[in-house]
Amino acid sequence: MSVATVAEAIARGLAAAGVERVYGIIGTSIVDFLDALYDHRDRIDFVTTRHEQVAVSAADAEYRVTRRLAAAAVHAGPGFLNTAISLGIAFKDRVPLLLVSGGVRRRLRGLDAWLEVDQASIARPLAKYYGVVESPGEVLDTLAEALRSALSPPMGPAVVEVPEDLWRSNASISEEALKRIPRTPVAGPGLGGHGKTLFSMLMEAKRPVILASGELVYNPWFSQERLLRLAEATGAYIVVSGNGRGACPEDHPRCLGRIGFGGGSLAADRAFESSDMVLVLGHEFDDITTYGYNMLPQGDVVMISQDPSTKARPRYYDLVNASPVRALEELSEMAGGARRLEEWERMVAGFRREWGVMLDEAVRRSTRLANPDRFFRLLNSRMPRGRIVSGGQGTHILYAYNHIRIYRPGGFLAATNLGAMGYALPAVIGSSKALPGDYHLCVAGDGELMMTVQDIETIVREGLDVKIVLVNDDSYKVLYLRQVLQKGGRVYETLLSNPDFSRLAEAFGVRYAKVSRPGDEGGALEVLSSPGPALVEVKVDRDDIPPLNLDYTLRMSM
């Protein structure tokens, strides 16, 4: 047993949880915490960001690419309020992280004091857990409870609030208490008696599909090899949710890529809709993967999930309450040799040809400004296989979805289930801090980038080798197109006036290149292949529409 301040106790607790980084912004309500972290800077790196939203989403991204917890620390009141959108992103995508927030001094609570807002009530719908350390003796128990909640299904963010006057109070710390702090997700139950039945259903199906979700892929025990073994043994094709990208290498014959709204491959959509048996590993058989429950399979759907949201949705599926990763382990152990379903293979080959023709035509078409399909296909061929891509929300990201292949779990980062703009740049900060030797690409539209553009300074200050591709159409394009196509051309407040991005890049000290028309790509690709941070602007026509499943996309918006 030893005695230390509350601030020191939390620093030791973070180290015990395996946290290597805390992202955040200093404030008077947490200055004592940062003072304690100073003594742990050889084990825990504090990364100052220029907005609290960026800090929390960077911690979120670090977990997605490493399956290791990261944390954020923010000032009470306004600092905490600035984290709301990023807590919502992590909560909706089921990503665990810890947010340490300052709080007002205990004697001032309830007096409408400076900095005081009801943080707990604000956080309740956005976090798995919100705990306030009320006395020094409960600090490690509160921290352990927060992390257990964050790492238990469904995973998500947890918040610990420490009043400003408590940080320097002394607490007793035992090794036993530190050992009780969790580091990894709860394993969860297996299939019980359902395993043989499920495997038989896959083997009896003529057109089987496996849908891999984030609940599967974000588990540290997930194995690509097991998923591929199960697919090959049953003759199934693998499709993925937005959070499931990288569940299988996207050049593997069994991998069809993402399904659903906002970036689905037409080939994956067609196979999903045509299947007579879908095994859903994780909770993301939802309005996004099914275009608002308009695109539904023809046969049985069995979902394996521990997420309570699955009980609230329209029940187009039978639900097995089990861990998807444990289920995959059990089912893959039953797998034998490869199963050939020749008619199904011919159908899927046709779906792939149809989608491939659409993409090829988009790459070859003549455009007034840059051809984004051509640019992203060329970029895909130049990037190393181990690329990690963060993407924003909007029409611009469809070009990247269509042409950039992902090969590793956590290889594509996006605010999939909240649909929030402003995630792409914070995410690439977190991924590049966590895995500095890999290739990190941020794809953002002009509307998206300008929401967090200040943190290019963080990229430069931290020496991060980050590449930013800015798809610039001078508009909020999704809404602009809806006004053009669905509102009779009544365009209102969707057109933007942007800064000179070359000067912006120069001001931040990053390399810059611009693609304004087909044939301009060479210099930009060279910049994106060279060491150091870079910003490449791809200037596109706001009336350009990328290849997509237009029928179901329009149904989603009705």
Protein backbone atom coordinates (compact mmCIF):
# COMPACT_ATOMS: atom_id res chain seq x y z
CA MET A 1 0.00 0.00 0.00
CA SER A 2 1.29 3.45 -0.92
CA VAL A 3 -0.03 6.99 -0.67
CA ALA A 4 -0.31 9.30 -3.67
CA THR A 5 -2.47 12.14 -4.89
CA VAL A 6 -5.68 11.46 -6.79
CA ALA A 7 -3.97 12.80 -9.91
CA GLU A 8 -1.08 10.36 -9.46
CA ALA A 9 -3.51 7.50 -8.79
CA ILE A 10 -5.32 8.09 -12.09
CA ALA A 11 -2.00 8.32 -13.94
CA ARG A 12 -0.96 4.96 -12.47
CA GLY A 13 -4.38 3.54 -13.25
CA LEU A 14 -4.08 4.56 -16.89
CA ALA A 15 -0.69 2.89 -17.09
CA ALA A 16 -2.18 -0.26 -15.55
CA ALA A 17 -4.89 -0.21 -18.24
CA GLY A 18 -2.23 -0.13 -20.95
CA VAL A 19 -2.99 3.45 -22.01
CA GLU A 20 -0.03 4.90 -23.91
CA ARG A 21 -1.55 8.24 -24.90
CA VAL A 22 -3.84 10.90 -23.50
CA TYR A 23 -5.15 13.48 -25.97
CA GLY A 24 -6.53 16.76 -24.74
CA ILE A 25 -6.25 20.41 -23.82
CA ILE A 26 -5.06 21.68 -20.47
CA GLY A 27 -7.42 23.72 -18.28
CA THR A 28 -7.48 25.00 -14.73
CA SER A 29 -9.68 22.11 -13.59
CA ILE A 30 -7.15 19.49 -14.79
CA VAL A 31 -3.81 21.27 -14.44
CA ASP A 32 -2.94 19.08 -11.44
CA PHE A 33 -3.64 15.96 -13.51
CA LEU A 34 -1.23 17.09 -16.21
CA ASP A 35 1.32 17.82 -13.52
CA ALA A 36 1.06 14.17 -12.44
CA LEU A 37 1.33 12.98 -16.05
CA TYR A 38 4.60 14.92 -16.30
CA ASP A 39 6.18 12.27 -14.08
CA HIS A 40 4.83 9.49 -16.34
CA ARG A 41 5.77 11.05 -19.69
CA ASP A 42 8.14 8.17 -20.47
CA ARG A 43 5.12 5.79 -20.43
CA ILE A 44 2.14 8.01 -21.23
CA ASP A 45 2.36 10.62 -23.96
CA PHE A 46 0.11 13.67 -23.63
CA VAL A 47 -0.87 15.03 -27.06
CA THR A 48 -2.24 18.56 -27.06
CA THR A 49 -4.90 19.15 -29.69
CA ARG A 50 -6.51 22.42 -30.72
CA HIS A 51 -10.08 21.34 -29.94
CA GLU A 52 -11.52 18.82 -27.49
CA GLN A 53 -13.55 17.16 -30.25
CA VAL A 54 -10.27 16.27 -31.92
CA ALA A 55 -8.83 14.85 -28.70
CA VAL A 56 -11.66 12.38 -28.11
CA SER A 57 -11.88 11.22 -31.74
CA ALA A 58 -8.10 10.72 -31.84
CA ALA A 59 -8.42 8.44 -28.80
CA ASP A 60 -11.32 6.67 -30.53
CA ALA A 61 -9.22 6.08 -33.66
CA GLU A 62 -6.28 4.77 -31.65
CA TYR A 63 -8.46 1.97 -30.29
CA ARG A 64 -9.85 1.13 -33.73
CA VAL A 65 -6.39 0.62 -35.24
CA THR A 66 -4.65 -1.06 -32.27
CA ARG A 67 -7.45 -2.57 -30.11
CA ARG A 68 -5.75 -0.83 -27.19
CA LEU A 69 -7.40 1.78 -24.99
CA ALA A 70 -6.51 5.43 -25.29
CA ALA A 71 -7.76 8.36 -23.24
CA ALA A 72 -8.60 12.04 -23.45
CA ALA A 73 -8.52 14.74 -20.78
CA VAL A 74 -10.48 18.00 -20.86
CA HIS A 75 -11.37 21.05 -18.79
CA ALA A 76 -14.68 21.21 -16.93
CA GLY A 77 -17.70 22.87 -18.52
CA PRO A 78 -16.79 24.24 -21.96
CA GLY A 79 -14.00 21.73 -22.49
CA PHE A 80 -16.35 18.87 -21.70
CA LEU A 81 -19.13 20.28 -23.89
CA ASN A 82 -16.76 20.35 -26.86
CA THR A 83 -16.41 16.55 -26.63
CA ALA A 84 -20.10 15.79 -27.19
CA ILE A 85 -19.97 14.99 -30.91
CA SER A 86 -16.95 12.72 -30.48
CA LEU A 87 -18.51 10.89 -27.55
CA GLY A 88 -21.53 10.36 -29.79
CA ILE A 89 -19.38 8.96 -32.60
CA ALA A 90 -17.65 6.49 -30.28
CA PHE A 91 -20.93 5.55 -28.62
CA LYS A 92 -22.71 4.85 -31.91
CA ASP A 93 -19.77 2.90 -33.37
CA ARG A 94 -19.20 0.97 -30.10
CA VAL A 95 -15.62 2.14 -29.58
CA PRO A 96 -14.21 2.08 -26.03
CA LEU A 97 -12.21 5.01 -24.69
CA LEU A 98 -11.79 6.91 -21.44
CA LEU A 99 -12.50 10.60 -21.04
CA VAL A 100 -11.15 12.24 -17.88
CA SER A 101 -12.93 15.53 -17.25
CA GLY A 102 -12.37 18.19 -14.68
CA GLY A 103 -15.27 19.25 -12.50
CA VAL A 104 -16.14 22.31 -10.45
CA ARG A 105 -14.98 22.43 -6.84
CA ARG A 106 -17.27 20.41 -4.60
CA ARG A 107 -18.26 23.33 -2.37
CA LEU A 108 -19.48 25.25 -5.45
CA ARG A 109 -21.69 22.51 -6.91
CA GLY A 110 -25.28 23.45 -7.45
CA LEU A 111 -24.57 27.18 -7.16
CA ASP A 112 -24.55 27.85 -10.92
CA ALA A 113 -20.81 28.30 -10.50
CA TRP A 114 -18.23 29.32 -13.10
CA LEU A 115 -17.73 26.37 -15.54
CA GLU A 116 -20.67 24.47 -14.04
CA VAL A 117 -23.01 22.52 -16.29
CA ASP A 118 -24.77 19.23 -15.59
CA GLN A 119 -22.12 17.14 -17.33
CA ALA A 120 -23.55 13.82 -16.16
CA SER A 121 -26.97 14.47 -17.70
CA ILE A 122 -25.38 15.62 -20.95
CA ALA A 123 -23.14 12.56 -21.14
CA ARG A 124 -25.73 9.97 -20.19
CA PRO A 125 -27.06 9.33 -23.74
CA LEU A 126 -23.54 9.57 -25.21
CA ALA A 127 -21.47 7.34 -22.92
CA LYS A 128 -21.58 3.88 -21.40
CA TYR A 129 -20.64 5.24 -17.99
CA TYR A 130 -20.32 8.53 -16.15
CA GLY A 131 -18.71 8.50 -12.72
CA VAL A 132 -17.72 11.30 -10.36
CA VAL A 133 -14.87 10.77 -7.92
CA GLU A 134 -16.36 12.08 -4.68
CA SER A 135 -13.52 11.16 -2.31
CA PRO A 136 -9.86 10.11 -2.63
CA GLY A 137 -10.56 6.58 -1.46
CA GLU A 138 -12.82 5.73 -4.39
CA VAL A 139 -10.63 6.96 -7.23
CA LEU A 140 -9.26 3.60 -8.43
CA ASP A 141 -12.60 1.83 -7.94
CA THR A 142 -14.31 4.50 -10.05
CA LEU A 143 -11.65 4.21 -12.74
CA ALA A 144 -11.91 0.41 -12.79
CA GLU A 145 -15.71 0.56 -13.00
CA ALA A 146 -15.51 3.04 -15.87
CA LEU A 147 -13.13 0.86 -17.86
CA ARG A 148 -15.12 -2.33 -17.18
CA SER A 149 -18.17 -0.59 -18.59
CA ALA A 150 -16.28 0.74 -21.61
CA LEU A 151 -14.91 -2.72 -22.42
CA SER A 152 -18.12 -4.70 -21.80
CA PRO A 153 -20.57 -5.32 -24.64
CA PRO A 154 -21.69 -3.14 -26.17
CA MET A 155 -18.39 -1.29 -25.87
CA GLY A 156 -18.27 2.49 -25.78
CA PRO A 157 -16.85 5.60 -24.14
CA ALA A 158 -16.68 6.09 -20.38
CA VAL A 159 -16.26 9.37 -18.52
CA VAL A 160 -14.67 10.00 -15.13
CA GLU A 161 -15.13 13.45 -13.60
CA VAL A 162 -12.72 14.68 -10.93
CA PRO A 163 -13.59 17.89 -9.05
CA GLU A 164 -10.85 20.50 -9.25
CA ASP A 165 -10.29 20.54 -5.49
CA LEU A 166 -9.75 16.76 -5.30
CA TRP A 167 -6.70 16.24 -7.55
CA ARG A 168 -4.11 16.99 -4.86
CA SER A 169 -5.84 15.04 -2.10
CA ASN A 170 -4.01 11.92 -0.95
CA ALA A 171 -5.32 8.45 -1.75
CA SER A 172 -4.13 5.00 -0.73
CA ILE A 173 -3.06 2.88 -3.69
CA SER A 174 -2.65 -0.88 -3.54
CA GLU A 175 -1.22 -3.19 -6.15
CA GLU A 176 -4.40 -5.26 -5.87
CA ALA A 177 -6.52 -2.24 -6.84
CA LEU A 178 -4.29 -1.53 -9.84
CA LYS A 179 -4.53 -5.17 -10.93
CA ARG A 180 -8.33 -4.93 -10.94
CA ILE A 181 -8.22 -2.29 -13.66
CA PRO A 182 -9.14 -4.01 -16.97
CA ARG A 183 -7.09 -3.70 -20.16
CA THR A 184 -9.04 -5.74 -22.73
CA PRO A 185 -12.69 -6.35 -23.67
CA VAL A 186 -14.79 -8.97 -21.93
CA ALA A 187 -14.66 -12.23 -23.91
CA GLY A 188 -18.40 -12.90 -23.87
CA PRO A 189 -20.36 -16.15 -24.21
CA GLY A 190 -20.11 -18.66 -27.01
CA LEU A 191 -22.89 -20.19 -29.09
CA GLY A 192 -23.85 -22.88 -26.64
CA GLY A 193 -26.06 -25.36 -28.47
CA HIS A 194 -26.55 -23.15 -31.54
CA GLY A 195 -23.20 -23.80 -33.22
CA LYS A 196 -23.97 -26.99 -35.13
CA THR A 197 -27.37 -25.68 -36.22
CA LEU A 198 -25.87 -22.48 -37.61
CA PHE A 199 -23.10 -24.31 -39.41
CA SER A 200 -25.67 -26.69 -40.94
CA MET A 201 -27.76 -23.74 -42.13
CA LEU A 202 -24.74 -22.28 -43.91
CA MET A 203 -23.92 -25.64 -45.48
CA GLU A 204 -27.49 -26.17 -46.65
CA ALA A 205 -27.76 -22.71 -48.19
CA LYS A 206 -27.28 -22.28 -51.93
CA ARG A 207 -26.41 -18.57 -51.74
CA PRO A 208 -24.82 -17.95 -48.31
CA VAL A 209 -23.44 -14.58 -47.18
CA ILE A 210 -21.59 -13.55 -44.03
CA LEU A 211 -21.96 -9.93 -42.87
CA ALA A 212 -19.03 -8.82 -40.69
CA SER A 213 -19.72 -5.87 -38.39
CA GLY A 214 -17.72 -3.63 -36.11
CA GLU A 215 -18.74 -5.66 -33.07
CA LEU A 216 -16.69 -8.49 -34.56
CA VAL A 217 -13.78 -6.55 -36.04
CA TYR A 218 -13.16 -4.23 -33.07
CA ASN A 219 -12.60 -7.21 -30.78
CA PRO A 220 -8.85 -7.81 -30.22
CA TRP A 221 -9.32 -11.57 -30.67
CA PHE A 222 -10.83 -11.23 -34.15
CA SER A 223 -9.02 -13.28 -36.81
CA GLN A 224 -9.19 -12.65 -40.56
CA GLU A 225 -7.96 -16.18 -41.13
CA ARG A 226 -10.88 -17.72 -39.23
CA LEU A 227 -13.41 -15.64 -41.15
CA LEU A 228 -11.92 -16.63 -44.50
CA ARG A 229 -11.77 -20.28 -43.45
CA LEU A 230 -15.47 -20.24 -42.58
CA ALA A 231 -16.39 -18.50 -45.84
CA GLU A 232 -14.41 -20.91 -47.99
CA ALA A 233 -15.73 -23.98 -46.18
CA THR A 234 -19.37 -22.92 -46.57
CA GLY A 235 -19.17 -21.29 -50.00
CA ALA A 236 -20.22 -17.98 -48.47
CA TYR A 237 -19.23 -14.52 -49.64
CA ILE A 238 -18.24 -11.91 -47.07
CA VAL A 239 -19.78 -8.45 -47.03
CA VAL A 240 -18.99 -5.85 -44.40
CA SER A 241 -20.55 -2.87 -42.67
CA GLY A 242 -18.76 0.47 -42.65
CA ASN A 243 -17.12 -0.46 -39.35
CA GLY A 244 -16.36 -3.94 -40.63
CA ARG A 245 -14.05 -2.89 -43.46
CA GLY A 246 -10.82 -4.85 -43.30
CA ALA A 247 -12.55 -7.92 -41.89
CA CYS A 248 -11.28 -9.58 -45.06
CA PRO A 249 -8.67 -8.36 -47.55
CA GLU A 250 -10.71 -6.63 -50.24
CA ASP A 251 -8.83 -8.34 -53.06
CA HIS A 252 -9.70 -11.81 -51.72
CA PRO A 253 -12.09 -13.80 -53.96
CA ARG A 254 -14.51 -14.28 -51.06
CA CYS A 255 -14.61 -10.60 -50.06
CA LEU A 256 -17.19 -8.35 -51.75
CA GLY A 257 -16.66 -5.22 -49.65
CA ARG A 258 -19.03 -2.87 -47.95
CA ILE A 259 -22.81 -2.96 -48.23
CA GLY A 260 -25.38 -0.29 -47.62
CA PHE A 261 -25.94 3.43 -47.61
CA GLY A 262 -23.07 5.87 -47.94
CA GLY A 263 -20.47 3.70 -49.63
CA GLY A 264 -21.80 0.26 -50.45
CA SER A 265 -20.39 -1.71 -53.36
CA LEU A 266 -23.10 -2.60 -55.85
CA ALA A 267 -21.66 -6.14 -56.06
CA ALA A 268 -21.90 -6.55 -52.28
CA ASP A 269 -25.42 -5.10 -52.23
CA ARG A 270 -26.58 -7.44 -55.00
CA ALA A 271 -25.13 -10.52 -53.29
CA PHE A 272 -26.64 -9.57 -49.93
CA GLU A 273 -30.07 -9.04 -51.45
CA SER A 274 -29.88 -12.30 -53.44
CA SER A 275 -28.72 -14.52 -50.58
CA ASP A 276 -30.81 -17.29 -49.09
CA MET A 277 -28.90 -17.34 -45.79
CA VAL A 278 -27.12 -14.43 -44.09
CA LEU A 279 -25.03 -14.94 -40.98
CA VAL A 280 -24.54 -11.55 -39.31
CA LEU A 281 -21.50 -11.44 -37.04
CA GLY A 282 -22.20 -8.36 -34.95
CA HIS A 283 -25.05 -5.90 -34.56
CA GLU A 284 -24.94 -3.93 -37.81
CA PHE A 285 -27.90 -5.39 -39.68
CA ASP A 286 -29.51 -1.98 -39.47
CA ASP A 287 -30.92 0.94 -41.42
CA ILE A 288 -27.47 1.77 -42.85
CA THR A 289 -26.57 -1.68 -44.16
CA THR A 290 -30.10 -2.21 -45.54
CA TYR A 291 -30.81 1.31 -46.87
CA GLY A 292 -33.51 1.93 -44.29
CA TYR A 293 -34.66 -1.72 -44.30
CA ASN A 294 -35.46 -1.46 -48.01
CA MET A 295 -32.76 -3.91 -49.16
CA LEU A 296 -33.45 -7.25 -47.50
CA PRO A 297 -32.14 -10.77 -48.20
CA GLN A 298 -34.41 -13.37 -49.75
CA GLY A 299 -33.79 -16.04 -47.11
CA ASP A 300 -32.98 -16.57 -43.47
CA VAL A 301 -31.00 -14.04 -41.45
CA VAL A 302 -29.32 -15.02 -38.18
CA MET A 303 -27.58 -12.34 -36.14
CA ILE A 304 -25.02 -13.10 -33.45
CA SER A 305 -24.65 -10.14 -31.14
CA GLN A 306 -24.65 -8.99 -27.53
CA ASP A 307 -25.79 -5.49 -28.42
CA PRO A 308 -29.17 -4.53 -26.89
CA SER A 309 -30.04 -2.37 -29.92
CA THR A 310 -30.68 -5.58 -31.85
CA LYS A 311 -33.80 -6.18 -29.75
CA ALA A 312 -35.29 -2.79 -30.63
CA ARG A 313 -35.00 -2.99 -34.42
CA PRO A 314 -37.44 -4.50 -36.90
CA ARG A 315 -36.94 -8.23 -36.47
CA TYR A 316 -35.95 -9.36 -39.94
CA TYR A 317 -33.57 -11.79 -38.24
CA ASP A 318 -33.28 -14.47 -35.60
CA LEU A 319 -31.04 -13.29 -32.76
CA VAL A 320 -28.47 -15.38 -30.91
CA ASN A 321 -27.12 -13.65 -27.80
CA ALA A 322 -23.43 -14.51 -28.05
CA SER A 323 -20.06 -12.94 -28.73
CA PRO A 324 -19.50 -12.69 -32.51
CA VAL A 325 -15.78 -13.39 -32.13
CA ARG A 326 -16.42 -16.45 -29.94
CA ALA A 327 -19.03 -17.63 -32.43
CA LEU A 328 -16.57 -17.24 -35.29
CA GLU A 329 -13.98 -19.27 -33.39
CA GLU A 330 -16.47 -22.09 -32.85
CA LEU A 331 -17.87 -22.10 -36.38
CA SER A 332 -14.43 -21.95 -38.00
CA GLU A 333 -13.40 -25.03 -36.01
CA MET A 334 -16.17 -26.95 -37.80
CA ALA A 335 -14.92 -25.85 -41.21
CA GLY A 336 -13.54 -28.45 -43.57
CA GLY A 337 -12.39 -28.12 -47.16
CA ALA A 338 -13.55 -25.51 -49.64
CA ARG A 339 -17.16 -25.79 -50.82
CA ARG A 340 -18.00 -24.91 -54.42
CA LEU A 341 -21.40 -23.45 -55.26
CA GLU A 342 -21.01 -22.95 -58.99
CA GLU A 343 -24.34 -21.24 -59.67
CA TRP A 344 -23.77 -18.82 -56.77
CA GLU A 345 -20.25 -18.13 -57.97
CA ARG A 346 -21.55 -17.32 -61.46
CA MET A 347 -24.15 -14.94 -60.03
CA VAL A 348 -21.57 -13.13 -57.91
CA ALA A 349 -19.17 -12.93 -60.85
CA GLY A 350 -21.94 -11.19 -62.77
CA PHE A 351 -22.51 -8.73 -59.92
CA ARG A 352 -18.79 -7.98 -59.88
CA ARG A 353 -18.71 -7.41 -63.64
CA GLU A 354 -21.68 -5.04 -63.46
CA TRP A 355 -20.03 -2.98 -60.71
CA GLY A 356 -16.64 -3.11 -62.41
CA VAL A 357 -18.10 -1.72 -65.64
CA MET A 358 -19.67 1.17 -63.73
CA LEU A 359 -16.38 2.00 -62.04
CA ASP A 360 -14.35 1.70 -65.26
CA GLU A 361 -16.74 4.01 -67.09
CA ALA A 362 -16.48 6.54 -64.26
CA VAL A 363 -12.68 6.45 -64.44
CA ARG A 364 -12.65 6.96 -68.24
CA ARG A 365 -15.31 9.68 -68.46
CA SER A 366 -14.46 13.19 -69.51
CA THR A 367 -14.76 15.81 -66.77
CA ARG A 368 -14.47 19.59 -66.72
CA LEU A 369 -12.42 19.57 -63.52
CA ALA A 370 -10.54 16.70 -61.88
CA ASN A 371 -11.95 13.20 -62.32
CA PRO A 372 -12.12 11.94 -58.71
CA ASP A 373 -12.71 8.33 -59.76
CA ARG A 374 -9.54 8.39 -61.85
CA PHE A 375 -7.58 10.08 -59.06
CA PHE A 376 -8.56 7.61 -56.33
CA ARG A 377 -7.96 4.59 -58.55
CA LEU A 378 -4.46 5.87 -59.27
CA LEU A 379 -3.89 6.62 -55.60
CA ASN A 380 -5.02 3.13 -54.62
CA SER A 381 -2.34 1.63 -56.87
CA ARG A 382 0.37 3.81 -55.32
CA MET A 383 -0.34 3.33 -51.61
CA PRO A 384 1.28 0.51 -49.60
CA ARG A 385 -0.95 -2.42 -48.76
CA GLY A 386 -0.92 -1.63 -45.05
CA ARG A 387 -2.62 1.75 -45.55
CA ILE A 388 -4.92 3.21 -42.90
CA VAL A 389 -7.56 5.54 -44.30
CA SER A 390 -9.82 7.91 -42.37
CA GLY A 391 -12.85 9.26 -44.17
CA GLY A 392 -15.39 11.97 -43.63
CA GLN A 393 -19.10 12.10 -44.37
CA GLY A 394 -20.43 13.30 -47.70
CA THR A 395 -20.43 12.53 -51.39
CA HIS A 396 -16.65 12.92 -51.59
CA ILE A 397 -16.01 9.80 -49.54
CA LEU A 398 -17.90 7.59 -52.02
CA TYR A 399 -15.04 8.01 -54.51
CA ALA A 400 -12.61 6.69 -51.92
CA TYR A 401 -14.95 3.85 -50.91
CA ASN A 402 -15.29 2.82 -54.54
CA HIS A 403 -11.61 2.71 -55.42
CA ILE A 404 -9.44 2.41 -52.30
CA ARG A 405 -9.09 -1.16 -51.12
CA ILE A 406 -8.67 -2.00 -47.43
CA TYR A 407 -6.77 -5.09 -46.33
CA ARG A 408 -6.51 -5.00 -42.52
CA PRO A 409 -8.94 -4.73 -39.59
CA GLY A 410 -9.20 -1.11 -38.56
CA GLY A 411 -7.86 -0.03 -41.93
CA PHE A 412 -10.77 2.32 -42.60
CA LEU A 413 -11.99 4.81 -39.99
CA ALA A 414 -15.25 6.71 -40.27
CA ALA A 415 -18.11 8.01 -38.12
CA THR A 416 -20.32 5.34 -39.67
CA ASN A 417 -23.34 5.13 -37.39
CA LEU A 418 -23.65 8.76 -36.27
CA GLY A 419 -22.88 10.12 -39.73
CA ALA A 420 -21.00 13.05 -38.24
CA MET A 421 -18.77 15.35 -40.23
CA GLY A 422 -15.50 16.38 -38.60
CA TYR A 423 -14.10 12.93 -37.74
CA ALA A 424 -11.59 12.32 -40.54
CA LEU A 425 -8.78 14.65 -39.46
CA PRO A 426 -8.93 13.79 -35.73
CA ALA A 427 -8.96 10.09 -36.63
CA VAL A 428 -5.81 10.30 -38.72
CA ILE A 429 -4.05 12.03 -35.82
CA GLY A 430 -4.92 9.13 -33.53
CA SER A 431 -4.03 6.43 -36.04
CA SER A 432 -0.69 7.99 -36.94
CA LYS A 433 0.30 8.54 -33.30
CA ALA A 434 -0.53 4.92 -32.52
CA LEU A 435 1.14 3.36 -35.58
CA PRO A 436 3.76 5.84 -36.81
CA GLY A 437 5.40 3.43 -39.26
CA ASP A 438 2.28 2.92 -41.38
CA TYR A 439 0.80 4.95 -44.26
CA HIS A 440 -1.97 7.24 -43.00
CA LEU A 441 -4.41 8.94 -45.38
CA CYS A 442 -7.21 11.35 -44.49
CA VAL A 443 -9.91 11.87 -47.14
CA ALA A 444 -12.09 14.89 -46.40
CA GLY A 445 -14.44 17.17 -48.26
CA ASP A 446 -14.05 20.93 -48.04
CA GLY A 447 -17.02 21.25 -45.68
CA GLU A 448 -15.62 18.52 -43.45
CA LEU A 449 -12.01 19.68 -43.35
CA MET A 450 -12.88 23.24 -42.37
CA MET A 451 -14.54 21.92 -39.20
CA THR A 452 -11.23 20.70 -37.74
CA VAL A 453 -8.63 22.36 -39.98
CA GLN A 454 -6.90 23.99 -37.01
CA ASP A 455 -5.46 20.63 -35.99
CA ILE A 456 -3.19 20.47 -39.01
CA GLU A 457 -0.98 22.39 -36.56
CA THR A 458 -1.13 19.35 -34.26
CA ILE A 459 0.00 17.14 -37.14
CA VAL A 460 2.98 19.39 -37.84
CA ARG A 461 3.93 19.91 -34.18
CA GLU A 462 3.80 16.18 -33.47
CA GLY A 463 5.82 15.36 -36.60
CA LEU A 464 3.13 13.07 -38.01
CA ASP A 465 3.55 11.67 -41.52
CA VAL A 466 -0.05 12.26 -42.55
CA LYS A 467 -1.44 12.72 -46.05
CA ILE A 468 -4.65 14.72 -46.48
CA VAL A 469 -6.68 14.51 -49.67
CA LEU A 470 -9.16 17.36 -49.82
CA VAL A 471 -12.00 16.79 -52.29
CA ASN A 472 -13.12 20.36 -52.93
CA ASP A 473 -16.46 21.12 -54.58
CA ASP A 474 -17.11 24.41 -52.75
CA SER A 475 -20.35 23.11 -51.31
CA TYR A 476 -22.15 20.92 -48.84
CA LYS A 477 -22.59 18.60 -51.77
CA VAL A 478 -24.99 15.97 -50.41
CA LEU A 479 -27.50 18.67 -49.54
CA TYR A 480 -26.78 20.64 -52.71
CA LEU A 481 -27.60 17.58 -54.81
CA ARG A 482 -30.79 16.94 -52.86
CA GLN A 483 -31.86 20.53 -53.52
CA VAL A 484 -31.10 20.09 -57.22
CA LEU A 485 -32.70 16.67 -57.61
CA GLN A 486 -35.51 16.69 -55.05
CA LYS A 487 -36.31 20.36 -54.42
CA GLY A 488 -36.66 21.55 -58.00
CA GLY A 489 -33.27 23.23 -58.10
CA ARG A 490 -34.05 25.54 -55.17
CA VAL A 491 -30.42 25.80 -54.07
CA TYR A 492 -30.18 27.58 -50.74
CA GLU A 493 -27.22 27.92 -48.35
CA THR A 494 -25.30 24.90 -49.63
CA LEU A 495 -22.65 26.75 -51.66
CA LEU A 496 -19.40 27.72 -49.93
CA SER A 497 -16.56 30.17 -50.41
CA ASN A 498 -13.33 28.48 -49.39
CA PRO A 499 -9.89 29.86 -48.61
CA ASP A 500 -6.89 29.43 -50.88
CA PHE A 501 -5.81 26.00 -49.70
CA SER A 502 -2.31 26.40 -51.12
CA ARG A 503 -1.75 29.35 -48.80
CA LEU A 504 -3.37 27.49 -45.94
CA ALA A 505 -0.94 24.60 -46.44
CA GLU A 506 1.96 27.03 -46.60
CA ALA A 507 0.85 28.70 -43.37
CA PHE A 508 0.78 25.35 -41.58
CA GLY A 509 4.06 24.24 -43.15
CA VAL A 510 2.86 21.21 -45.10
CA ARG A 511 3.52 20.29 -48.73
CA TYR A 512 0.74 21.06 -51.20
CA ALA A 513 -0.38 19.93 -54.63
CA LYS A 514 -3.55 20.42 -56.63
CA VAL A 515 -5.41 18.31 -59.17
CA SER A 516 -7.64 20.53 -61.31
CA ARG A 517 -8.21 18.33 -64.38
CA PRO A 518 -7.48 14.82 -65.69
CA GLY A 519 -3.76 14.47 -66.30
CA ASP A 520 -2.78 16.60 -63.29
CA GLU A 521 -2.46 13.61 -60.99
CA GLY A 522 1.28 12.94 -61.34
CA GLY A 523 2.56 15.73 -59.11
CA ALA A 524 -0.09 15.09 -56.48
CA LEU A 525 0.67 11.37 -56.35
CA GLU A 526 4.35 12.17 -55.97
CA VAL A 527 3.60 14.42 -52.99
CA LEU A 528 1.43 11.70 -51.46
CA SER A 529 4.27 9.20 -51.88
CA SER A 530 6.94 11.41 -50.28
CA PRO A 531 7.80 11.60 -46.56
CA GLY A 532 6.19 14.26 -44.40
CA PRO A 533 2.73 15.79 -43.98
CA ALA A 534 0.98 16.90 -47.15
CA LEU A 535 -2.28 18.40 -48.38
CA VAL A 536 -3.52 17.54 -51.87
CA GLU A 537 -6.54 19.41 -53.17
CA VAL A 538 -8.68 17.62 -55.76
CA LYS A 539 -10.97 20.17 -57.39
CA VAL A 540 -14.21 18.54 -58.55
CA ASP A 541 -17.51 19.57 -60.07
CA ARG A 542 -20.25 19.83 -57.46
CA ASP A 543 -22.72 18.31 -59.95
CA ASP A 544 -20.62 15.16 -60.32
CA ILE A 545 -22.26 12.03 -58.87
CA PRO A 546 -20.07 9.01 -58.04
CA PRO A 547 -21.07 5.45 -58.93
CA LEU A 548 -23.47 4.14 -56.29
CA ASN A 549 -26.56 2.03 -55.75
CA LEU A 550 -28.78 4.92 -56.78
CA ASP A 551 -32.15 3.18 -56.47
CA TYR A 552 -31.71 2.22 -52.82
CA THR A 553 -29.88 5.44 -51.97
CA LEU A 554 -32.88 7.46 -53.15
CA ARG A 555 -35.21 5.24 -51.13
CA MET A 556 -33.08 5.90 -48.04
CA SER A 557 -33.65 9.64 -48.42
CA MET A 558 -37.44 9.40 -48.74
